[in-house]
């Protein structure tokens, strides 16, 4: 069941996509990885959806990736006497720790970490930036702010502090409970929100303990400032443009998106472009032209995946959203300019035997017009290297480790198959030819380029390149 495209689709599950029938239909339409958003829903809801995904995995005979997205700290003001107040530009508005309902003069901000990080002139954004406050004087439990952009403010609206590294862990007590639950359920990826610095990832990795791969969401400008360090420490990354756009000027977001995609490609880490990709399809059966262009731009940049959020979680047209995203990806990848763009951005291999073999596999595959590059992998590193090369041919990733197979689903151009391990060279060639034909990637007489590590089963030891041709009859 090869998708016929290189870039992948991530879709969020929610109230509009809970039944077995709907999740199966989403998968059949083209979803490669399902996202469970722990900002919403109960544990029982997520467990039921994950059980459905695993049943579909068996039904369709395909590995399916599952991402658990942690909520992260949510910084919010308190409540108001009449549930809301009107703030006027130029007036002074006080934030403090007093739990009494607020009014047009003050409101509670129950986060001492924010007060600890303030400086005079710091801007605070409320309700996704609709309200802008500027700190004039402050203490350990209060801040008197000038209202720069006023308007209506209501109960428990979110607060952002752009340009400031807050002394907060990205994992709240809720996140720790959610993460433990998700790991016990067997998710493949843990997506971390509110990451600001490398230390945040170290804490998460210690708690995860290798039971899932770590995906860093770039949604804070502070994370962009440490971009390369964070990418190196991550297993994959996400451009979370919605949150990033609150604290960053709108003209800056597309620049940083391209920078992050470029860095991830250079370092061989899968990268997802997310948020508001086909947002109008929450209520409309067709996207805007700007949204189609947005998806196409991410594909032209070589992103591993594009993501749907509310479109599939709560929208009226979840299947149509996946279908249109699938069509956009395929159309872009059929454009000769797409390959020219990838070639222009191609990364030089690292000076290692594994990278040399993988780079050679790409060159050979294009020279002989191979039907597929077949990788044998235990940890996934061989296949990730092949994906990093962005070859024309699909990458057939064979692994005996189901956890690795599910994680590799996210990688650009990779078609994963969970299969028994190999013991010798001839078995390697025979299995590669048989599976390539079974999966619809190759026909009789088609050439294949095969990479593996010897001794077989040694993680990260890519040191063999072999050419083979699909025989007339399957080798038993």
Protein backbone atom coordinates (compact mmCIF):
# COMPACT_ATOMS: atom_id res chain seq x y z
CA UNK A 1 0.00 0.00 0.00
CA UNK A 2 2.54 2.54 -1.17
CA UNK A 3 1.22 6.12 -1.03
CA UNK A 4 2.84 7.22 -4.28
CA UNK A 5 4.41 10.28 -2.62
CA UNK A 6 7.42 11.16 -0.48
CA UNK A 7 6.07 13.71 2.03
CA UNK A 8 3.86 12.33 4.80
CA UNK A 9 0.56 13.40 6.33
CA UNK A 10 -0.01 13.72 10.09
CA UNK A 11 -3.62 14.03 11.24
CA UNK A 12 -5.03 14.85 14.67
CA UNK A 13 -7.80 12.71 16.11
CA UNK A 14 -10.67 14.22 18.08
CA UNK A 15 -14.47 14.31 18.37
CA UNK A 16 -14.90 14.28 14.57
CA UNK A 17 -12.59 11.29 14.13
CA UNK A 18 -13.19 8.79 16.90
CA UNK A 19 -14.99 5.81 15.32
CA UNK A 20 -13.19 2.84 13.80
CA UNK A 21 -14.83 3.61 10.47
CA UNK A 22 -13.60 7.21 10.40
CA UNK A 23 -10.03 6.44 11.52
CA UNK A 24 -9.83 3.64 8.94
CA UNK A 25 -11.14 5.99 6.24
CA UNK A 26 -8.56 8.64 7.23
CA UNK A 27 -5.79 6.07 6.96
CA UNK A 28 -7.04 4.84 3.59
CA UNK A 29 -7.23 8.44 2.32
CA UNK A 30 -3.57 8.95 3.15
CA UNK A 31 -2.82 9.58 6.85
CA UNK A 32 0.58 8.17 7.81
CA UNK A 33 0.86 9.29 11.46
CA UNK A 34 -1.97 9.98 13.89
CA UNK A 35 -1.64 12.68 16.56
CA UNK A 36 -3.29 12.38 19.97
CA UNK A 37 -3.62 15.89 21.41
CA UNK A 38 -3.41 15.70 25.21
CA UNK A 39 -4.57 19.32 25.53
CA UNK A 40 -8.04 17.86 25.00
CA UNK A 41 -9.84 14.65 25.89
CA UNK A 42 -9.60 12.11 28.68
CA UNK A 43 -7.14 9.25 28.92
CA UNK A 44 -9.91 6.79 28.12
CA UNK A 45 -10.61 8.64 24.84
CA UNK A 46 -6.96 8.49 23.78
CA UNK A 47 -6.65 4.83 24.78
CA UNK A 48 -9.70 3.92 22.69
CA UNK A 49 -8.35 5.77 19.63
CA UNK A 50 -4.93 4.16 19.99
CA UNK A 51 -6.52 0.71 20.28
CA UNK A 52 -8.44 1.43 17.08
CA UNK A 53 -5.24 2.49 15.29
CA UNK A 54 -3.47 -0.71 16.32
CA UNK A 55 -6.45 -2.78 15.12
CA UNK A 56 -6.31 -1.00 11.75
CA UNK A 57 -2.56 -1.61 11.64
CA UNK A 58 -3.25 -5.34 11.77
CA UNK A 59 -6.22 -5.08 9.39
CA UNK A 60 -4.22 -3.23 6.73
CA UNK A 61 -0.88 -4.90 7.43
CA UNK A 62 0.92 -1.54 7.61
CA UNK A 63 2.90 0.09 10.46
CA UNK A 64 1.18 3.29 11.64
CA UNK A 65 2.90 5.98 13.67
CA UNK A 66 1.20 7.50 16.73
CA UNK A 67 2.25 10.79 18.33
CA UNK A 68 1.23 11.89 21.83
CA UNK A 69 1.35 15.69 21.95
CA UNK A 70 1.86 17.07 25.46
CA UNK A 71 -0.01 20.24 26.45
CA UNK A 72 2.85 21.99 28.23
CA UNK A 73 2.46 24.91 30.65
CA UNK A 74 -0.58 27.09 30.00
CA UNK A 75 -0.08 30.60 31.37
CA UNK A 76 -3.42 32.31 31.93
CA UNK A 77 -4.92 35.28 33.74
CA UNK A 78 -7.58 34.68 36.39
CA UNK A 79 -11.27 35.56 36.30
CA UNK A 80 -13.21 38.84 36.16
CA UNK A 81 -16.15 40.09 38.20
CA UNK A 82 -18.47 40.07 35.19
CA UNK A 83 -16.45 37.41 33.31
CA UNK A 84 -14.81 40.16 31.27
CA UNK A 85 -13.46 43.73 31.29
CA UNK A 86 -12.59 46.42 28.76
CA UNK A 87 -8.99 47.68 28.71
CA UNK A 88 -8.22 51.11 27.26
CA UNK A 89 -4.94 51.94 25.53
CA UNK A 90 -2.76 54.24 27.63
CA UNK A 91 -4.27 53.16 30.96
CA UNK A 92 -2.41 51.23 33.66
CA UNK A 93 -3.48 47.63 34.27
CA UNK A 94 -2.11 45.61 37.20
CA UNK A 95 -1.30 41.89 37.23
CA UNK A 96 -0.89 40.30 40.65
CA UNK A 97 -1.21 37.07 42.63
CA UNK A 98 -4.47 38.05 44.36
CA UNK A 99 -7.14 35.45 43.50
CA UNK A 100 -10.01 37.96 43.83
CA UNK A 101 -11.94 38.45 40.54
CA UNK A 102 -10.51 41.26 38.42
CA UNK A 103 -11.89 44.36 36.72
CA UNK A 104 -10.69 47.04 34.31
CA UNK A 105 -7.84 47.93 36.73
CA UNK A 106 -6.34 44.55 37.67
CA UNK A 107 -6.55 40.77 37.42
CA UNK A 108 -4.78 37.75 38.87
CA UNK A 109 -1.77 36.27 37.08
CA UNK A 110 -1.11 33.09 39.10
CA UNK A 111 2.38 32.41 37.74
CA UNK A 112 5.24 33.61 39.95
CA UNK A 113 7.69 32.42 37.26
CA UNK A 114 6.53 35.24 34.99
CA UNK A 115 7.11 37.92 37.62
CA UNK A 116 10.57 36.46 38.29
CA UNK A 117 11.55 36.90 34.63
CA UNK A 118 10.17 40.40 34.02
CA UNK A 119 12.12 43.54 33.22
CA UNK A 120 10.92 47.08 32.71
CA UNK A 121 9.67 47.37 29.15
CA UNK A 122 8.80 43.67 28.81
CA UNK A 123 5.70 43.12 26.68
CA UNK A 124 2.98 40.70 27.75
CA UNK A 125 0.54 39.37 25.16
CA UNK A 126 -2.92 38.27 26.26
CA UNK A 127 -5.46 36.28 24.23
CA UNK A 128 -3.07 35.41 21.37
CA UNK A 129 -1.78 38.98 21.22
CA UNK A 130 -5.14 40.73 20.96
CA UNK A 131 -4.22 42.56 24.20
CA UNK A 132 -0.67 43.94 24.57
CA UNK A 133 0.65 45.14 27.92
CA UNK A 134 4.04 46.74 28.64
CA UNK A 135 5.63 46.42 32.08
CA UNK A 136 6.32 49.78 33.75
CA UNK A 137 7.24 48.59 37.26
CA UNK A 138 7.07 45.21 38.96
CA UNK A 139 7.90 43.13 42.00
CA UNK A 140 8.00 39.47 42.95
CA UNK A 141 4.20 39.22 42.89
CA UNK A 142 2.92 42.08 40.74
CA UNK A 143 3.44 44.06 37.56
CA UNK A 144 1.96 47.44 36.69
CA UNK A 145 1.55 47.56 32.94
CA UNK A 146 0.64 50.17 30.37
CA UNK A 147 -2.08 49.00 27.98
CA UNK A 148 -0.50 49.30 24.53
CA UNK A 149 -3.30 47.55 22.63
CA UNK A 150 -6.60 47.44 24.47
CA UNK A 151 -9.88 45.67 24.01
CA UNK A 152 -12.13 43.14 25.67
CA UNK A 153 -10.43 40.66 28.01
CA UNK A 154 -12.26 37.71 29.53
CA UNK A 155 -11.70 34.87 32.00
CA UNK A 156 -8.59 32.70 31.82
CA UNK A 157 -7.16 34.03 28.57
CA UNK A 158 -3.65 32.89 27.73
CA UNK A 159 -0.55 34.99 28.40
CA UNK A 160 2.64 35.00 26.32
CA UNK A 161 5.93 36.67 27.22
CA UNK A 162 7.88 37.13 23.97
CA UNK A 163 11.65 37.44 24.10
CA UNK A 164 11.91 36.07 27.65
CA UNK A 165 13.14 32.64 28.74
CA UNK A 166 10.80 31.68 31.56
CA UNK A 167 12.13 29.53 34.42
CA UNK A 168 9.58 26.81 33.65
CA UNK A 169 9.90 23.14 32.80
CA UNK A 170 8.02 22.20 29.62
CA UNK A 171 6.47 19.36 31.62
CA UNK A 172 3.73 20.17 34.12
CA UNK A 173 2.37 17.62 36.58
CA UNK A 174 -0.42 16.98 34.07
CA UNK A 175 2.14 16.41 31.32
CA UNK A 176 4.03 13.91 33.45
CA UNK A 177 0.84 11.95 34.08
CA UNK A 178 -0.13 12.16 30.41
CA UNK A 179 3.34 11.12 29.27
CA UNK A 180 3.43 8.11 31.56
CA UNK A 181 0.00 7.06 30.33
CA UNK A 182 0.98 7.52 26.67
CA UNK A 183 4.18 5.52 27.14
CA UNK A 184 2.29 2.72 28.88
CA UNK A 185 -0.10 2.66 25.92
CA UNK A 186 2.83 2.29 23.52
CA UNK A 187 2.88 5.53 21.51
CA UNK A 188 5.78 6.03 19.12
CA UNK A 189 6.46 9.75 19.52
CA UNK A 190 6.24 12.14 22.47
CA UNK A 191 5.82 15.72 21.22
CA UNK A 192 7.04 18.32 23.72
CA UNK A 193 5.47 21.77 23.98
CA UNK A 194 7.00 24.93 25.48
CA UNK A 195 10.60 23.84 24.86
CA UNK A 196 12.96 26.78 25.39
CA UNK A 197 16.44 25.33 25.92
CA UNK A 198 18.44 22.08 25.63
CA UNK A 199 17.97 21.31 29.35
CA UNK A 200 14.24 20.87 28.68
CA UNK A 201 14.94 17.96 26.34
CA UNK A 202 17.36 16.34 28.78
CA UNK A 203 14.63 16.20 31.42
CA UNK A 204 12.13 14.73 28.98
CA UNK A 205 14.54 12.09 27.70
CA UNK A 206 15.27 10.99 31.24
CA UNK A 207 11.56 10.49 31.91
CA UNK A 208 10.86 8.80 28.57
CA UNK A 209 13.78 6.41 28.99
CA UNK A 210 13.92 5.36 25.34
CA UNK A 211 10.34 4.09 25.29
CA UNK A 212 9.39 6.58 22.56
CA UNK A 213 11.13 9.02 20.23
CA UNK A 214 11.28 12.69 21.21
CA UNK A 215 9.74 15.33 18.95
CA UNK A 216 10.47 18.98 19.76
CA UNK A 217 7.80 21.54 18.93
CA UNK A 218 9.30 24.90 18.03
CA UNK A 219 6.68 27.33 19.34
CA UNK A 220 8.80 29.72 21.45
CA UNK A 221 11.24 32.31 20.05
CA UNK A 222 13.67 31.23 22.78
CA UNK A 223 13.80 27.80 21.12
CA UNK A 224 14.58 29.41 17.75
CA UNK A 225 17.55 31.12 19.42
CA UNK A 226 18.93 27.65 20.33
CA UNK A 227 17.68 26.01 17.14
CA UNK A 228 20.66 23.91 16.08
CA UNK A 229 21.34 22.60 19.58
CA UNK A 230 17.72 21.57 20.02
CA UNK A 231 17.52 19.89 16.61
CA UNK A 232 20.65 17.88 17.36
CA UNK A 233 19.12 16.69 20.64
CA UNK A 234 15.75 15.80 19.08
CA UNK A 235 14.62 12.74 17.14
CA UNK A 236 12.26 14.93 15.08
CA UNK A 237 10.93 18.50 15.11
CA UNK A 238 7.75 20.43 14.42
CA UNK A 239 7.23 24.01 13.28
CA UNK A 240 4.26 24.92 15.53
CA UNK A 241 3.41 28.08 13.65
CA UNK A 242 0.29 29.04 15.59
CA UNK A 243 2.02 29.53 18.93
CA UNK A 244 5.22 30.76 17.30
CA UNK A 245 3.25 33.44 15.46
CA UNK A 246 1.83 34.85 18.70
CA UNK A 247 5.24 35.85 20.07
CA UNK A 248 6.95 36.60 16.76
CA UNK A 249 6.15 39.18 14.06
CA UNK A 250 4.14 37.54 11.27
CA UNK A 251 6.77 38.32 8.66
CA UNK A 252 9.33 36.40 10.73
CA UNK A 253 7.43 33.08 10.93
CA UNK A 254 7.94 31.90 7.30
CA UNK A 255 11.64 32.77 7.52
CA UNK A 256 12.09 30.71 10.67
CA UNK A 257 10.00 27.88 9.21
CA UNK A 258 12.41 27.59 6.28
CA UNK A 259 15.39 27.86 8.61
CA UNK A 260 14.12 25.02 10.80
CA UNK A 261 13.27 22.77 7.85
CA UNK A 262 16.71 23.42 6.39
CA UNK A 263 18.49 22.63 9.66
CA UNK A 264 16.50 19.42 10.17
CA UNK A 265 17.29 18.29 6.65
CA UNK A 266 20.98 19.03 7.18
CA UNK A 267 21.05 17.01 10.40
CA UNK A 268 18.85 14.20 9.10
CA UNK A 269 15.96 14.75 11.53
CA UNK A 270 12.33 14.45 10.32
CA UNK A 271 10.48 17.77 10.42
CA UNK A 272 6.73 18.50 10.41
CA UNK A 273 5.17 21.78 9.30
CA UNK A 274 2.01 22.30 11.35
CA UNK A 275 -0.87 24.62 12.29
CA UNK A 276 -3.48 26.31 10.10
CA UNK A 277 -2.44 24.46 6.94
CA UNK A 278 -6.00 23.92 5.66
CA UNK A 279 -7.83 25.72 8.45
CA UNK A 280 -10.73 26.92 6.33
CA UNK A 281 -11.62 23.25 5.80
CA UNK A 282 -12.81 23.05 9.39
CA UNK A 283 -16.06 24.43 7.98
CA UNK A 284 -15.56 24.38 4.20
CA UNK A 285 -15.23 21.44 1.78
CA UNK A 286 -12.38 23.19 -0.09
CA UNK A 287 -9.29 25.12 1.01
CA UNK A 288 -8.39 28.65 0.04
CA UNK A 289 -5.78 29.12 -2.68
CA UNK A 290 -3.44 30.58 -0.07
CA UNK A 291 -3.74 27.42 2.03
CA UNK A 292 -2.99 25.20 -0.95
CA UNK A 293 0.07 27.34 -1.62
CA UNK A 294 1.09 27.05 2.02
CA UNK A 295 1.05 23.24 1.92
CA UNK A 296 2.84 23.24 -1.42
CA UNK A 297 5.59 25.55 -0.10
CA UNK A 298 6.32 23.17 2.79
CA UNK A 299 6.58 20.28 0.32
CA UNK A 300 8.86 22.25 -2.02
CA UNK A 301 11.11 22.99 0.99
CA UNK A 302 11.49 19.24 1.56
CA UNK A 303 9.59 18.95 4.85
CA UNK A 304 9.07 15.34 5.89
CA UNK A 305 5.42 15.86 6.79
CA UNK A 306 2.56 18.34 6.87
CA UNK A 307 -0.02 18.24 9.63
CA UNK A 308 -3.76 18.66 10.03
CA UNK A 309 -5.07 19.76 13.43
CA UNK A 310 -8.67 20.87 13.95
CA UNK A 311 -9.38 20.01 10.29
CA UNK A 312 -9.51 16.31 11.18
CA UNK A 313 -10.04 16.52 14.96
CA UNK A 314 -13.17 18.68 15.01
CA UNK A 315 -13.90 19.78 11.44
CA UNK A 316 -16.85 19.05 9.21
CA UNK A 317 -14.72 17.67 6.36
CA UNK A 318 -11.90 15.51 7.80
CA UNK A 319 -11.71 13.08 4.88
CA UNK A 320 -11.79 15.84 2.30
CA UNK A 321 -8.96 17.65 4.11
CA UNK A 322 -6.73 14.56 3.97
CA UNK A 323 -7.64 13.88 0.35
CA UNK A 324 -6.82 17.43 -0.75
CA UNK A 325 -3.55 17.47 1.18
CA UNK A 326 -2.61 14.18 -0.48
CA UNK A 327 -3.41 15.66 -3.91
CA UNK A 328 -1.36 18.81 -3.26
CA UNK A 329 1.69 16.78 -2.21
CA UNK A 330 1.50 14.51 -5.25
CA UNK A 331 1.07 17.43 -7.63
CA UNK A 332 4.08 19.27 -6.20
CA UNK A 333 6.26 16.17 -6.29
CA UNK A 334 5.34 15.65 -9.96
CA UNK A 335 6.62 19.14 -10.81
CA UNK A 336 10.15 19.10 -12.34
CA UNK A 337 10.90 22.24 -10.34
CA UNK A 338 10.42 20.22 -7.13
CA UNK A 339 13.39 18.00 -7.92
CA UNK A 340 15.46 21.02 -8.96
CA UNK A 341 14.75 22.68 -5.62
CA UNK A 342 15.76 19.55 -3.69
CA UNK A 343 18.95 19.20 -5.73
CA UNK A 344 19.87 22.81 -5.05
CA UNK A 345 19.49 22.23 -1.31
CA UNK A 346 21.20 18.84 -1.20
CA UNK A 347 23.42 18.32 1.83
CA UNK A 348 26.97 16.99 1.68
CA UNK A 349 27.41 13.64 3.45
CA UNK A 350 29.21 13.47 6.75
CA UNK A 351 32.76 12.01 6.57
CA UNK A 352 31.66 8.58 7.82
CA UNK A 353 31.43 5.17 6.16
CA UNK A 354 27.68 5.04 6.76
CA UNK A 355 27.05 8.42 5.11
CA UNK A 356 29.38 7.55 2.22
CA UNK A 357 27.48 4.32 1.55
CA UNK A 358 24.11 6.06 1.75
CA UNK A 359 25.15 8.94 -0.52
CA UNK A 360 26.51 6.40 -2.99
CA UNK A 361 23.21 4.49 -2.86
CA UNK A 362 21.35 7.61 -3.93
CA UNK A 363 23.76 8.30 -6.79
CA UNK A 364 23.69 4.70 -8.00
CA UNK A 365 19.90 4.52 -7.75
CA UNK A 366 19.53 7.57 -9.96
CA UNK A 367 22.14 6.35 -12.45
CA UNK A 368 20.52 2.95 -12.99
CA UNK A 369 16.97 4.28 -12.39
CA UNK A 370 16.39 1.89 -9.51
CA UNK A 371 12.80 1.10 -8.52
CA UNK A 372 13.69 1.48 -4.84
CA UNK A 373 16.48 1.86 -2.33
CA UNK A 374 16.10 -0.96 0.18
CA UNK A 375 17.49 -0.44 3.68
CA UNK A 376 17.84 -3.03 6.41
CA UNK A 377 17.79 -1.40 9.81
CA UNK A 378 17.42 -2.19 13.49
CA UNK A 379 17.53 1.24 15.10
CA UNK A 380 16.33 3.15 12.03
CA UNK A 381 19.58 5.08 11.47
CA UNK A 382 20.31 3.45 8.08
CA UNK A 383 16.86 4.39 6.80
CA UNK A 384 16.94 7.92 8.21
CA UNK A 385 20.25 8.46 6.39
CA UNK A 386 18.68 7.29 3.14
CA UNK A 387 15.72 9.64 3.68
CA UNK A 388 18.10 12.56 4.33
CA UNK A 389 19.49 12.12 0.83
CA UNK A 390 16.02 12.87 -0.64
CA UNK A 391 16.40 10.31 -3.47
CA UNK A 392 14.06 10.08 -6.46
CA UNK A 393 13.35 6.41 -5.73
CA UNK A 394 11.26 5.46 -2.71
CA UNK A 395 13.11 4.08 0.31
CA UNK A 396 11.90 0.64 1.34
CA UNK A 397 12.77 0.39 5.04
CA UNK A 398 12.87 -3.21 6.28
CA UNK A 399 13.17 -3.85 10.00
CA UNK A 400 12.48 -6.64 12.46
CA UNK A 401 11.70 -4.06 15.17
CA UNK A 402 8.06 -2.94 15.07
CA UNK A 403 8.79 0.14 17.19
CA UNK A 404 11.39 1.22 14.63
CA UNK A 405 8.98 0.52 11.76
CA UNK A 406 6.32 2.77 13.29
CA UNK A 407 8.74 5.63 13.93
CA UNK A 408 10.14 5.46 10.39
CA UNK A 409 6.68 6.07 8.94
CA UNK A 410 7.26 9.79 9.59
CA UNK A 411 10.42 9.98 7.48
CA UNK A 412 10.35 11.48 3.97
CA UNK A 413 10.10 8.94 1.16
CA UNK A 414 10.21 5.91 3.46
CA UNK A 415 7.86 2.96 3.00
CA UNK A 416 8.35 0.73 6.04
CA UNK A 417 7.76 -3.00 6.32
CA UNK A 418 8.02 -5.02 9.51
CA UNK A 419 9.69 -8.31 8.63
CA UNK A 420 11.78 -11.08 10.18
CA UNK A 421 15.50 -10.45 10.51
CA UNK A 422 18.04 -11.63 7.95
CA UNK A 423 21.05 -13.87 8.50
CA UNK A 424 23.15 -13.71 5.32
CA UNK A 425 23.71 -11.81 2.06
CA UNK A 426 21.61 -14.05 -0.17
CA UNK A 427 18.66 -13.86 2.18
CA UNK A 428 19.08 -10.07 2.20
CA UNK A 429 18.86 -9.87 -1.61
CA UNK A 430 16.01 -12.36 -1.91
CA UNK A 431 13.90 -10.69 0.75
CA UNK A 432 14.49 -7.22 -0.69
CA UNK A 433 13.33 -8.35 -4.15
CA UNK A 434 10.29 -10.25 -2.84
CA UNK A 435 9.04 -7.43 -0.60
CA UNK A 436 9.67 -4.71 -3.18
CA UNK A 437 7.46 -6.62 -5.61
CA UNK A 438 4.80 -7.46 -3.01
CA UNK A 439 4.57 -3.81 -1.94
CA UNK A 440 4.11 -2.60 -5.50
CA UNK A 441 7.41 -0.72 -5.61
CA UNK A 442 9.10 -2.92 -8.26
CA UNK A 443 8.33 -5.28 -11.11
CA UNK A 444 10.21 -8.17 -12.67
CA UNK A 445 13.57 -7.02 -13.99
CA UNK A 446 13.62 -3.74 -12.05
CA UNK A 447 16.93 -2.85 -10.37
CA UNK A 448 17.17 -2.32 -6.62
CA UNK A 449 19.89 -0.68 -4.52
CA UNK A 450 20.28 -2.37 -1.14
CA UNK A 451 22.12 -1.03 1.92
CA UNK A 452 22.67 -2.77 5.24
CA UNK A 453 25.11 -3.14 8.09
CA UNK A 454 27.34 -6.17 8.64
CA UNK A 455 27.25 -7.99 10.99
CA UNK A 456 23.48 -7.98 10.45
CA UNK A 457 21.48 -6.57 13.34
CA UNK A 458 24.23 -4.16 14.44
CA UNK A 459 22.59 -0.75 15.03
CA UNK A 460 24.08 2.12 13.03
CA UNK A 461 26.64 0.05 11.09
CA UNK A 462 25.71 0.82 7.47
CA UNK A 463 28.67 -0.56 5.50
CA UNK A 464 27.27 -2.60 2.57
CA UNK A 465 25.84 -1.51 -0.79
CA UNK A 466 24.47 -4.19 -3.11
CA UNK A 467 22.70 -4.09 -6.48
CA UNK A 468 20.00 -6.63 -7.33
CA UNK A 469 17.30 -7.18 -9.94
CA UNK A 470 13.81 -8.46 -9.22
CA UNK A 471 13.62 -12.08 -10.51
CA UNK A 472 10.72 -13.54 -12.47
CA UNK A 473 9.50 -15.69 -9.63
CA UNK A 474 9.61 -14.95 -5.88
CA UNK A 475 12.57 -16.62 -4.21
CA UNK A 476 11.48 -19.03 -1.51
